[in-house]
PDB file of N, CA and C in Angstrom:
ATOM      1  N   UNK A   1       1.156  -1.207  -0.268  1.00  0.00           N
ATOM      2  CA  UNK A   1       0.099  -0.476   0.290  1.00  0.00           C
ATOM      3  C   UNK A   1       1.064   1.355   0.186  1.00  0.00           C
ATOM      4  N   UNK A   2       0.825   1.999  -0.816  1.00  0.00           N
ATOM      5  CA  UNK A   2       1.517   3.130  -1.616  1.00  0.00           C
ATOM      6  C   UNK A   2       1.099   4.912  -1.163  1.00  0.00           C
ATOM      7  N   UNK A   3       1.134   5.321  -0.396  1.00  0.00           N
ATOM      8  CA  UNK A   3       0.363   6.352   0.156  1.00  0.00           C
ATOM      9  C   UNK A   3       0.484   8.051  -1.109  1.00  0.00           C
ATOM     10  N   UNK A   4       1.037   6.821  -2.071  1.00  0.00           N
ATOM     11  CA  UNK A   4       1.294   8.071  -3.934  1.00  0.00           C
ATOM     12  C   UNK A   4      -0.376   7.931  -4.225  1.00  0.00           C
ATOM     13  N   UNK A   5      -0.708   6.653  -4.176  1.00  0.00           N
ATOM     14  CA  UNK A   5      -2.153   6.684  -5.319  1.00  0.00           C
ATOM     15  C   UNK A   5      -3.368   7.369  -3.976  1.00  0.00           C
ATOM     16  N   UNK A   6      -3.117   8.228  -2.854  1.00  0.00           N
ATOM     17  CA  UNK A   6      -4.547   7.680  -2.242  1.00  0.00           C
ATOM     18  C   UNK A   6      -4.860   9.364  -2.520  1.00  0.00           C
ATOM     19  N   UNK A   7      -5.774   9.953  -2.953  1.00  0.00           N
ATOM     20  CA  UNK A   7      -6.266  10.987  -2.606  1.00  0.00           C
ATOM     21  C   UNK A   7      -6.491  11.819  -1.850  1.00  0.00           C
ATOM     22  N   UNK A   8      -6.495  12.842  -1.493  1.00  0.00           N
ATOM     23  CA  UNK A   8      -6.614  13.493  -0.161  1.00  0.00           C
ATOM     24  C   UNK A   8      -8.414  14.090  -0.127  1.00  0.00           C
ATOM     25  N   UNK A   9      -8.187  13.732   0.953  1.00  0.00           N
ATOM     26  CA  UNK A   9     -10.504  13.840   0.806  1.00  0.00           C
ATOM     27  C   UNK A   9     -10.393  15.364   1.701  1.00  0.00           C
ATOM     28  N   UNK A  10     -11.345  16.144   1.222  1.00  0.00           N
ATOM     29  CA  UNK A  10     -10.720  17.885   2.305  1.00  0.00           C
ATOM     30  C   UNK A  10     -12.624  17.422   2.702  1.00  0.00           C
ATOM     31  N   UNK A  11     -12.456  18.204   3.478  1.00  0.00           N
ATOM     32  CA  UNK A  11     -13.776  18.338   4.867  1.00  0.00           C
ATOM     33  C   UNK A  11     -14.146  19.085   4.409  1.00  0.00           C
ATOM     34  N   UNK A  12     -15.337  19.355   3.407  1.00  0.00           N
ATOM     35  CA  UNK A  12     -16.031  21.192   3.547  1.00  0.00           C
ATOM     36  C   UNK A  12     -17.715  20.343   3.283  1.00  0.00           C
ATOM     37  N   UNK A  13     -17.621  21.378   3.680  1.00  0.00           N
ATOM     38  CA  UNK A  13     -19.486  20.947   4.143  1.00  0.00           C
ATOM     39  C   UNK A  13     -20.452  22.364   3.485  1.00  0.00           C
ATOM     40  N   UNK A  14     -21.083  22.298   3.242  1.00  0.00           N
ATOM     41  CA  UNK A  14     -22.084  23.047   2.297  1.00  0.00           C
ATOM     42  C   UNK A  14     -23.327  23.475   3.689  1.00  0.00           C
ATOM     43  N   UNK A  15     -23.974  24.329   4.384  1.00  0.00           N
ATOM     44  CA  UNK A  15     -24.588  24.259   5.209  1.00  0.00           C
ATOM     45  C   UNK A  15     -25.822  25.271   4.701  1.00  0.00           C
ATOM     46  N   UNK A  16     -26.571  24.483   4.048  1.00  0.00           N
ATOM     47  CA  UNK A  16     -28.063  25.140   3.542  1.00  0.00           C
ATOM     48  C   UNK A  16     -28.828  26.393   4.588  1.00  0.00           C
ATOM     49  N   UNK A  17     -28.631  27.774   4.023  1.00  0.00           N
ATOM     50  CA  UNK A  17     -29.701  28.394   5.157  1.00  0.00           C
ATOM     51  C   UNK A  17     -30.875  28.437   4.683  1.00  0.00           C
ATOM     52  N   UNK A  18     -31.854  28.793   6.135  1.00  0.00           N
ATOM     53  CA  UNK A  18     -32.960  28.792   5.481  1.00  0.00           C
ATOM     54  C   UNK A  18     -33.618  29.783   4.854  1.00  0.00           C
ATOM     55  N   UNK A  19     -34.997  29.765   4.449  1.00  0.00           N
ATOM     56  CA  UNK A  19     -35.422  30.842   3.880  1.00  0.00           C
ATOM     57  C   UNK A  19     -36.746  30.739   3.883  1.00  0.00           C
ATOM     58  N   UNK A  20     -37.590  31.615   4.230  1.00  0.00           N
ATOM     59  CA  UNK A  20     -39.362  31.209   3.888  1.00  0.00           C
ATOM     60  C   UNK A  20     -39.490  30.155   3.068  1.00  0.00           C
ATOM     61  N   UNK A  21     -39.208  30.480   1.488  1.00  0.00           N
ATOM     62  CA  UNK A  21     -39.428  29.263   0.716  1.00  0.00           C
ATOM     63  C   UNK A  21     -39.490  27.713   0.932  1.00  0.00           C
ATOM     64  N   UNK A  22     -38.346  26.925   1.247  1.00  0.00           N
ATOM     65  CA  UNK A  22     -37.616  26.868   1.749  1.00  0.00           C
ATOM     66  C   UNK A  22     -38.354  26.185   3.062  1.00  0.00           C
ATOM     67  N   UNK A  23     -38.935  26.608   3.966  1.00  0.00           N
ATOM     68  CA  UNK A  23     -39.832  26.576   5.690  1.00  0.00           C
ATOM     69  C   UNK A  23     -41.067  26.065   4.843  1.00  0.00           C
ATOM     70  N   UNK A  24     -41.898  26.601   3.964  1.00  0.00           N
ATOM     71  CA  UNK A  24     -43.247  26.778   3.249  1.00  0.00           C
ATOM     72  C   UNK A  24     -43.135  25.321   2.575  1.00  0.00           C
ATOM     73  N   UNK A  25     -41.731  25.510   1.794  1.00  0.00           N
ATOM     74  CA  UNK A  25     -41.801  23.468   0.883  1.00  0.00           C
ATOM     75  C   UNK A  25     -41.452  22.939   1.894  1.00  0.00           C
ATOM     76  N   UNK A  26     -41.223  23.310   2.629  1.00  0.00           N
ATOM     77  CA  UNK A  26     -41.086  21.684   3.627  1.00  0.00           C
ATOM     78  C   UNK A  26     -42.240  21.713   5.026  1.00  0.00           C
ATOM     79  N   UNK A  27     -42.974  22.503   5.425  1.00  0.00           N
ATOM     80  CA  UNK A  27     -44.143  22.458   5.981  1.00  0.00           C
ATOM     81  C   UNK A  27     -44.819  22.268   5.313  1.00  0.00           C
ATOM     82  N   UNK A  28     -45.106  22.256   3.826  1.00  0.00           N
ATOM     83  CA  UNK A  28     -46.162  21.256   2.773  1.00  0.00           C
ATOM     84  C   UNK A  28     -45.849  20.600   2.664  1.00  0.00           C
ATOM     85  N   UNK A  29     -44.583  19.595   2.518  1.00  0.00           N
ATOM     86  CA  UNK A  29     -44.265  18.392   2.521  1.00  0.00           C
ATOM     87  C   UNK A  29     -45.036  17.415   3.709  1.00  0.00           C
ATOM     88  N   UNK A  30     -44.602  18.036   5.474  1.00  0.00           N
ATOM     89  CA  UNK A  30     -44.522  17.703   6.019  1.00  0.00           C
ATOM     90  C   UNK A  30     -46.339  17.597   6.070  1.00  0.00           C
ATOM     91  N   UNK A  31     -46.654  18.259   6.732  1.00  0.00           N
ATOM     92  CA  UNK A  31     -48.173  18.587   6.411  1.00  0.00           C
ATOM     93  C   UNK A  31     -49.483  17.422   5.712  1.00  0.00           C
ATOM     94  N   UNK A  32     -48.627  17.047   4.122  1.00  0.00           N
ATOM     95  CA  UNK A  32     -49.006  16.207   3.120  1.00  0.00           C
ATOM     96  C   UNK A  32     -49.108  14.875   4.023  1.00  0.00           C
ATOM     97  N   UNK A  33     -47.911  14.563   4.544  1.00  0.00           N
ATOM     98  CA  UNK A  33     -47.814  13.162   5.219  1.00  0.00           C
ATOM     99  C   UNK A  33     -48.374  12.907   5.971  1.00  0.00           C
ATOM    100  N   UNK A  34     -47.821  14.309   6.845  1.00  0.00           N
ATOM    101  CA  UNK A  34     -48.962  14.159   8.613  1.00  0.00           C
ATOM    102  C   UNK A  34     -50.295  14.051   7.567  1.00  0.00           C
ATOM    103  N   UNK A  35     -51.394  14.522   7.026  1.00  0.00           N
ATOM    104  CA  UNK A  35     -52.228  13.827   6.337  1.00  0.00           C
ATOM    105  C   UNK A  35     -52.487  12.627   6.097  1.00  0.00           C
ATOM    106  N   UNK A  36     -51.641  12.291   5.642  1.00  0.00           N
ATOM    107  CA  UNK A  36     -51.254  10.513   4.516  1.00  0.00           C
ATOM    108  C   UNK A  36     -51.659  10.054   5.638  1.00  0.00           C
ATOM    109  N   UNK A  37     -50.892  10.066   6.938  1.00  0.00           N
ATOM    110  CA  UNK A  37     -50.589   8.814   8.120  1.00  0.00           C
ATOM    111  C   UNK A  37     -52.393   9.041   8.766  1.00  0.00           C
ATOM    112  N   UNK A  38     -52.707  10.390   8.759  1.00  0.00           N
ATOM    113  CA  UNK A  38     -54.120  10.228   9.894  1.00  0.00           C
ATOM    114  C   UNK A  38     -55.158   9.539   8.617  1.00  0.00           C
ATOM    115  N   UNK A  39     -54.536   9.788   7.385  1.00  0.00           N
ATOM    116  CA  UNK A  39     -55.772   8.630   6.702  1.00  0.00           C
ATOM    117  C   UNK A  39     -55.378   7.288   6.784  1.00  0.00           C
ATOM    118  N   UNK A  40     -54.146   7.059   6.839  1.00  0.00           N
ATOM    119  CA  UNK A  40     -53.873   5.371   7.052  1.00  0.00           C
ATOM    120  C   UNK A  40     -54.018   5.403   8.457  1.00  0.00           C
ATOM    121  N   UNK A  41     -54.222   6.467   9.773  1.00  0.00           N
ATOM    122  CA  UNK A  41     -54.375   5.826  10.423  1.00  0.00           C
ATOM    123  C   UNK A  41     -56.316   5.459  11.178  1.00  0.00           C
ATOM    124  N   UNK A  42     -56.677   6.096  10.536  1.00  0.00           N
ATOM    125  CA  UNK A  42     -58.567   5.832  10.048  1.00  0.00           C
ATOM    126  C   UNK A  42     -59.009   4.867   9.694  1.00  0.00           C
ATOM    127  N   UNK A  43     -58.009   4.709   8.544  1.00  0.00           N
ATOM    128  CA  UNK A  43     -58.392   3.525   7.896  1.00  0.00           C
ATOM    129  C   UNK A  43     -57.916   1.817   8.328  1.00  0.00           C
ATOM    130  N   UNK A  44     -57.067   2.255   9.372  1.00  0.00           N
ATOM    131  CA  UNK A  44     -56.988   1.334  10.309  1.00  0.00           C
ATOM    132  C   UNK A  44     -57.648   1.067  11.676  1.00  0.00           C
ATOM    133  N   UNK A  45     -57.801   2.105  12.094  1.00  0.00           N
ATOM    134  CA  UNK A  45     -58.910   1.974  12.795  1.00  0.00           C
ATOM    135  C   UNK A  45     -60.458   1.495  13.104  1.00  0.00           C
ATOM    136  N   UNK A  46     -60.980   1.643  11.318  1.00  0.00           N
ATOM    137  CA  UNK A  46     -62.163   1.481  11.064  1.00  0.00           C
ATOM    138  C   UNK A  46     -62.044  -0.213  10.000  1.00  0.00           C
ATOM    139  N   UNK A  47     -60.853  -0.098  10.409  1.00  0.00           N
ATOM    140  CA  UNK A  47     -60.977  -2.269   9.760  1.00  0.00           C
ATOM    141  C   UNK A  47     -60.888  -2.373  11.226  1.00  0.00           C
ATOM    142  N   UNK A  48     -59.932  -2.181  12.270  1.00  0.00           N
ATOM    143  CA  UNK A  48     -60.098  -3.167  13.590  1.00  0.00           C
ATOM    144  C   UNK A  48     -61.549  -2.569  13.366  1.00  0.00           C
ATOM    145  N   UNK A  49     -62.369  -2.240  13.701  1.00  0.00           N
ATOM    146  CA  UNK A  49     -63.899  -1.772  14.841  1.00  0.00           C
ATOM    147  C   UNK A  49     -64.415  -2.748  13.826  1.00  0.00           C
ATOM    148  N   UNK A  50     -64.593  -2.733  12.519  1.00  0.00           N
ATOM    149  CA  UNK A  50     -65.534  -3.637  11.603  1.00  0.00           C
ATOM    150  C   UNK A  50     -65.206  -5.763  11.629  1.00  0.00           C
ATOM    151  N   UNK A  51     -63.736  -5.616  12.711  1.00  0.00           N
ATOM    152  CA  UNK A  51     -63.269  -7.107  12.281  1.00  0.00           C
ATOM    153  C   UNK A  51     -62.797  -7.138  13.450  1.00  0.00           C
ATOM    154  N   UNK A  52     -64.281  -7.897  14.497  1.00  0.00           N
ATOM    155  CA  UNK A  52     -63.530  -7.702  15.980  1.00  0.00           C
ATOM    156  C   UNK A  52     -63.561  -8.993  15.949  1.00  0.00           C
ATOM    157  N   UNK A  53     -62.571  -9.623  16.994  1.00  0.00           N
ATOM    158  CA  UNK A  53     -61.291 -10.689  17.509  1.00  0.00           C
ATOM    159  C   UNK A  53     -62.323 -11.471  17.898  1.00  0.00           C
ATOM    160  N   UNK A  54     -62.322 -12.856  17.220  1.00  0.00           N
ATOM    161  CA  UNK A  54     -63.319 -14.237  17.393  1.00  0.00           C
ATOM    162  C   UNK A  54     -62.735 -15.020  18.907  1.00  0.00           C
ATOM    163  N   UNK A  55     -62.363 -14.726  19.650  1.00  0.00           N
ATOM    164  CA  UNK A  55     -62.210 -15.926  20.677  1.00  0.00           C
ATOM    165  C   UNK A  55     -63.126 -15.765  21.977  1.00  0.00           C
ATOM    166  N   UNK A  56     -62.749 -16.929  22.385  1.00  0.00           N
ATOM    167  CA  UNK A  56     -63.466 -16.962  23.671  1.00  0.00           C
ATOM    168  C   UNK A  56     -62.656 -17.199  25.331  1.00  0.00           C
ATOM    169  N   UNK A  57     -61.140 -17.081  24.559  1.00  0.00           N
ATOM    170  CA  UNK A  57     -59.694 -17.557  25.371  1.00  0.00           C
ATOM    171  C   UNK A  57     -59.573 -15.212  25.912  1.00  0.00           C
ATOM    172  N   UNK A  58     -59.856 -15.243  27.000  1.00  0.00           N
ATOM    173  CA  UNK A  58     -59.000 -13.913  27.454  1.00  0.00           C
ATOM    174  C   UNK A  58     -58.051 -13.357  27.379  1.00  0.00           C
ATOM    175  N   UNK A  59     -57.033 -13.829  27.299  1.00  0.00           N
ATOM    176  CA  UNK A  59     -55.151 -14.207  26.954  1.00  0.00           C
ATOM    177  C   UNK A  59     -55.494 -13.446  25.694  1.00  0.00           C
ATOM    178  N   UNK A  60     -56.350 -13.962  24.410  1.00  0.00           N
ATOM    179  CA  UNK A  60     -56.299 -13.379  23.075  1.00  0.00           C
ATOM    180  C   UNK A  60     -56.614 -12.367  22.740  1.00  0.00           C
ATOM    181  N   UNK A  61     -58.018 -12.371  23.209  1.00  0.00           N
ATOM    182  CA  UNK A  61     -59.033 -10.893  24.002  1.00  0.00           C
ATOM    183  C   UNK A  61     -57.723  -9.749  23.921  1.00  0.00           C
ATOM    184  N   UNK A  62     -56.810  -9.912  25.055  1.00  0.00           N
ATOM    185  CA  UNK A  62     -56.211  -9.051  25.657  1.00  0.00           C
ATOM    186  C   UNK A  62     -55.439  -8.330  24.996  1.00  0.00           C
ATOM    187  N   UNK A  63     -54.101  -9.249  24.877  1.00  0.00           N
ATOM    188  CA  UNK A  63     -53.248  -9.693  23.626  1.00  0.00           C
ATOM    189  C   UNK A  63     -53.877  -8.642  22.302  1.00  0.00           C
ATOM    190  N   UNK A  64     -54.815  -9.608  21.625  1.00  0.00           N
ATOM    191  CA  UNK A  64     -55.423  -8.662  20.405  1.00  0.00           C
ATOM    192  C   UNK A  64     -55.740  -6.970  20.721  1.00  0.00           C
ATOM    193  N   UNK A  65     -55.944  -6.673  21.856  1.00  0.00           N
ATOM    194  CA  UNK A  65     -56.893  -5.280  21.912  1.00  0.00           C
ATOM    195  C   UNK A  65     -55.560  -4.676  21.932  1.00  0.00           C
ATOM    196  N   UNK A  66     -54.201  -5.213  22.732  1.00  0.00           N
ATOM    197  CA  UNK A  66     -53.076  -4.208  23.554  1.00  0.00           C
ATOM    198  C   UNK A  66     -52.376  -3.973  22.021  1.00  0.00           C
ATOM    199  N   UNK A  67     -52.331  -5.308  20.890  1.00  0.00           N
ATOM    200  CA  UNK A  67     -51.558  -5.128  19.833  1.00  0.00           C
ATOM    201  C   UNK A  67     -52.199  -4.116  19.241  1.00  0.00           C
ATOM    202  N   UNK A  68     -53.388  -3.933  19.074  1.00  0.00           N
ATOM    203  CA  UNK A  68     -54.551  -3.182  17.541  1.00  0.00           C
ATOM    204  C   UNK A  68     -53.868  -1.626  18.427  1.00  0.00           C
ATOM    205  N   UNK A  69     -54.212  -1.113  19.867  1.00  0.00           N
ATOM    206  CA  UNK A  69     -54.083  -0.013  20.802  1.00  0.00           C
ATOM    207  C   UNK A  69     -52.470   0.677  20.078  1.00  0.00           C
ATOM    208  N   UNK A  70     -51.327  -0.523  20.324  1.00  0.00           N
ATOM    209  CA  UNK A  70     -50.179  -0.379  20.040  1.00  0.00           C
ATOM    210  C   UNK A  70     -49.969   0.018  18.583  1.00  0.00           C
ATOM    211  N   UNK A  71     -50.402  -0.986  17.332  1.00  0.00           N
ATOM    212  CA  UNK A  71     -50.880  -0.166  15.738  1.00  0.00           C
ATOM    213  C   UNK A  71     -51.254   1.899  16.179  1.00  0.00           C
ATOM    214  N   UNK A  72     -52.487   1.236  16.541  1.00  0.00           N
ATOM    215  CA  UNK A  72     -53.163   3.288  16.296  1.00  0.00           C
ATOM    216  C   UNK A  72     -52.784   4.011  16.657  1.00  0.00           C
ATOM    217  N   UNK A  73     -52.132   3.742  18.153  1.00  0.00           N
ATOM    218  CA  UNK A  73     -51.050   4.480  18.815  1.00  0.00           C
ATOM    219  C   UNK A  73     -49.914   4.452  18.422  1.00  0.00           C
ATOM    220  N   UNK A  74     -48.978   3.553  16.982  1.00  0.00           N
ATOM    221  CA  UNK A  74     -47.851   4.173  16.510  1.00  0.00           C
ATOM    222  C   UNK A  74     -48.053   5.120  15.813  1.00  0.00           C
ATOM    223  N   UNK A  75     -49.798   4.754  15.077  1.00  0.00           N
ATOM    224  CA  UNK A  75     -49.167   5.909  13.904  1.00  0.00           C
ATOM    225  C   UNK A  75     -50.199   6.626  14.297  1.00  0.00           C
ATOM    226  N   UNK A  76     -50.637   7.029  15.312  1.00  0.00           N
ATOM    227  CA  UNK A  76     -51.656   8.505  15.606  1.00  0.00           C
ATOM    228  C   UNK A  76     -49.858   9.484  15.791  1.00  0.00           C
ATOM    229  N   UNK A  77     -49.310   8.514  17.092  1.00  0.00           N
ATOM    230  CA  UNK A  77     -47.993   9.787  17.343  1.00  0.00           C
ATOM    231  C   UNK A  77     -47.432  10.111  15.687  1.00  0.00           C
ATOM    232  N   UNK A  78     -47.361   9.290  14.999  1.00  0.00           N
ATOM    233  CA  UNK A  78     -46.612   9.478  13.117  1.00  0.00           C
ATOM    234  C   UNK A  78     -47.165  11.157  12.443  1.00  0.00           C
ATOM    235  N   UNK A  79     -48.549  10.925  13.002  1.00  0.00           N
ATOM    236  CA  UNK A  79     -49.356  11.690  12.403  1.00  0.00           C
ATOM    237  C   UNK A  79     -49.286  12.861  13.248  1.00  0.00           C
ATOM    238  N   UNK A  80     -48.993  13.033  14.789  1.00  0.00           N
ATOM    239  CA  UNK A  80     -49.085  14.138  15.066  1.00  0.00           C
ATOM    240  C   UNK A  80     -47.692  14.313  15.154  1.00  0.00           C
ATOM    241  N   UNK A  81     -45.851  14.155  14.890  1.00  0.00           N
ATOM    242  CA  UNK A  81     -45.486  13.986  14.736  1.00  0.00           C
ATOM    243  C   UNK A  81     -44.992  14.837  13.573  1.00  0.00           C
ATOM    244  N   UNK A  82     -45.645  14.734  12.384  1.00  0.00           N
ATOM    245  CA  UNK A  82     -45.994  15.146  10.989  1.00  0.00           C
ATOM    246  C   UNK A  82     -46.514  16.782  11.274  1.00  0.00           C
ATOM    247  N   UNK A  83     -47.463  16.717  12.067  1.00  0.00           N
ATOM    248  CA  UNK A  83     -48.354  17.850  11.997  1.00  0.00           C
ATOM    249  C   UNK A  83     -47.649  19.351  12.562  1.00  0.00           C
ATOM    250  N   UNK A  84     -47.129  18.434  13.818  1.00  0.00           N
ATOM    251  CA  UNK A  84     -46.459  19.377  14.461  1.00  0.00           C
ATOM    252  C   UNK A  84     -45.379  20.043  13.757  1.00  0.00           C
ATOM    253  N   UNK A  85     -44.323  19.166  12.934  1.00  0.00           N
ATOM    254  CA  UNK A  85     -43.220  19.770  12.239  1.00  0.00           C
ATOM    255  C   UNK A  85     -43.887  20.822  10.914  1.00  0.00           C
ATOM    256  N   UNK A  86     -44.648  20.164  10.659  1.00  0.00           N
ATOM    257  CA  UNK A  86     -45.306  21.200   9.544  1.00  0.00           C
ATOM    258  C   UNK A  86     -45.934  22.437  10.815  1.00  0.00           C
ATOM    259  N   UNK A  87     -46.290  22.877  11.208  1.00  0.00           N
ATOM    260  CA  UNK A  87     -46.748  24.229  11.940  1.00  0.00           C
ATOM    261  C   UNK A  87     -45.729  24.572  12.234  1.00  0.00           C
ATOM    262  N   UNK A  88     -44.562  23.916  12.882  1.00  0.00           N
ATOM    263  CA  UNK A  88     -43.272  24.716  13.612  1.00  0.00           C
ATOM    264  C   UNK A  88     -42.040  25.441  12.334  1.00  0.00           C
ATOM    265  N   UNK A  89     -42.298  24.175  11.145  1.00  0.00           N
ATOM    266  CA  UNK A  89     -41.858  24.957   9.715  1.00  0.00           C
ATOM    267  C   UNK A  89     -42.343  26.455   9.513  1.00  0.00           C
ATOM    268  N   UNK A  90     -43.940  26.012   9.283  1.00  0.00           N
ATOM    269  CA  UNK A  90     -44.627  27.673   8.545  1.00  0.00           C
ATOM    270  C   UNK A  90     -44.051  28.510  10.015  1.00  0.00           C
ATOM    271  N   UNK A  91     -44.608  28.281  11.095  1.00  0.00           N
ATOM    272  CA  UNK A  91     -43.850  29.188  12.088  1.00  0.00           C
ATOM    273  C   UNK A  91     -42.498  30.190  11.254  1.00  0.00           C
ATOM    274  N   UNK A  92     -41.558  29.007  11.711  1.00  0.00           N
ATOM    275  CA  UNK A  92     -40.362  29.765  10.868  1.00  0.00           C
ATOM    276  C   UNK A  92     -40.630  30.766  10.534  1.00  0.00           C
ATOM    277  N   UNK A  93     -40.524  29.791   8.904  1.00  0.00           N
ATOM    278  CA  UNK A  93     -40.790  30.816   7.274  1.00  0.00           C
ATOM    279  C   UNK A  93     -41.433  32.111   7.908  1.00  0.00           C
ATOM    280  N   UNK A  94     -42.469  32.301   8.150  1.00  0.00           N
ATOM    281  CA  UNK A  94     -42.878  33.241   9.201  1.00  0.00           C
ATOM    282  C   UNK A  94     -41.908  34.575   9.662  1.00  0.00           C
ATOM    283  N   UNK A  95     -41.108  33.247  10.382  1.00  0.00           N
ATOM    284  CA  UNK A  95     -40.295  34.373  11.171  1.00  0.00           C
ATOM    285  C   UNK A  95     -39.030  34.978  10.756  1.00  0.00           C
ATOM    286  N   UNK A  96     -38.881  34.363   9.869  1.00  0.00           N
ATOM    287  CA  UNK A  96     -37.715  34.546   9.077  1.00  0.00           C
ATOM    288  C   UNK A  96     -38.262  35.683   7.523  1.00  0.00           C
ATOM    289  N   UNK A  97     -39.988  35.593   6.740  1.00  0.00           N
ATOM    290  CA  UNK A  97     -40.249  36.216   6.216  1.00  0.00           C
ATOM    291  C   UNK A  97     -40.098  38.426   7.065  1.00  0.00           C
ATOM    292  N   UNK A  98     -40.305  37.989   8.296  1.00  0.00           N
ATOM    293  CA  UNK A  98     -40.753  39.254   9.026  1.00  0.00           C
ATOM    294  C   UNK A  98     -39.548  39.681   9.362  1.00  0.00           C
ATOM    295  N   UNK A  99     -38.127  38.864   9.793  1.00  0.00           N
ATOM    296  CA  UNK A  99     -36.877  39.284  10.087  1.00  0.00           C
ATOM    297  C   UNK A  99     -36.368  40.138   8.917  1.00  0.00           C
ATOM    298  N   UNK A 100     -36.923  39.570   7.558  1.00  0.00           N
ATOM    299  CA  UNK A 100     -36.174  39.796   6.215  1.00  0.00           C
ATOM    300  C   UNK A 100     -37.063  41.441   5.740  1.00  0.00           C
ATOM    301  N   UNK A 101     -38.281  41.052   6.093  1.00  0.00           N
ATOM    302  CA  UNK A 101     -38.482  42.431   6.218  1.00  0.00           C
ATOM    303  C   UNK A 101     -38.372  44.188   6.638  1.00  0.00           C
ATOM    304  N   UNK A 102     -38.582  43.393   7.910  1.00  0.00           N
ATOM    305  CA  UNK A 102     -37.413  44.306   9.068  1.00  0.00           C
ATOM    306  C   UNK A 102     -35.818  44.892   8.451  1.00  0.00           C
ATOM    307  N   UNK A 103     -34.954  44.142   8.295  1.00  0.00           N
ATOM    308  CA  UNK A 103     -33.983  44.414   7.710  1.00  0.00           C
ATOM    309  C   UNK A 103     -34.271  45.498   6.785  1.00  0.00           C
ATOM    310  N   UNK A 104     -34.551  44.850   5.651  1.00  0.00           N
ATOM    311  CA  UNK A 104     -35.096  45.973   4.414  1.00  0.00           C
ATOM    312  C   UNK A 104     -35.474  46.902   4.834  1.00  0.00           C
ATOM    313  N   UNK A 105     -35.878  47.328   5.944  1.00  0.00           N
ATOM    314  CA  UNK A 105     -37.001  48.982   6.171  1.00  0.00           C
ATOM    315  C   UNK A 105     -35.860  49.360   7.314  1.00  0.00           C
ATOM    316  N   UNK A 106     -35.298  48.343   7.871  1.00  0.00           N
ATOM    317  CA  UNK A 106     -33.855  49.624   8.822  1.00  0.00           C
ATOM    318  C   UNK A 106     -33.139  49.941   7.691  1.00  0.00           C
ATOM    319  N   UNK A 107     -32.449  48.929   6.462  1.00  0.00           N
ATOM    320  CA  UNK A 107     -31.331  49.372   5.855  1.00  0.00           C
ATOM    321  C   UNK A 107     -31.856  50.264   5.025  1.00  0.00           C
ATOM    322  N   UNK A 108     -33.577  50.945   4.620  1.00  0.00           N
ATOM    323  CA  UNK A 108     -33.856  51.728   3.363  1.00  0.00           C
ATOM    324  C   UNK A 108     -33.233  53.331   4.400  1.00  0.00           C
ATOM    325  N   UNK A 109     -33.336  53.251   5.518  1.00  0.00           N
ATOM    326  CA  UNK A 109     -33.579  54.753   6.427  1.00  0.00           C
ATOM    327  C   UNK A 109     -32.933  54.666   6.890  1.00  0.00           C
TER     328      UNK A 109
END
C-alpha cells in the first residue's frame, strides 16, 4: 500500500441556509405526510372496528386489544409528529419573512 495513490479528502461541508420558501415547501411536504398518515390511521381504526376478535380465550382478547391499541397509537404518534413539524416550519418561515422585511426597512432608513 503506497500513499502516493491516495487522494486527499477535503472536509468541506456546505450548509444550507433557511429561507421562507424552503420552510414553506417543507411545511407543505410535512403537512401532506401528516395528513396521509392520519388517513392511514383512520383506515386502520375502521378496519379494526369492523373486524372484531373471534375468541373465547381472555388472554387472546387482551393481547389482541393491546396490539391493536399499540398499532393505532404508533400511527397516531407519527401523524402528530408530522403535523407539529409542519406547524413549526410554517412558523419559522413566517419568522424569517418578518426578519427579512424588517431588515430591508431598517437598511432603507
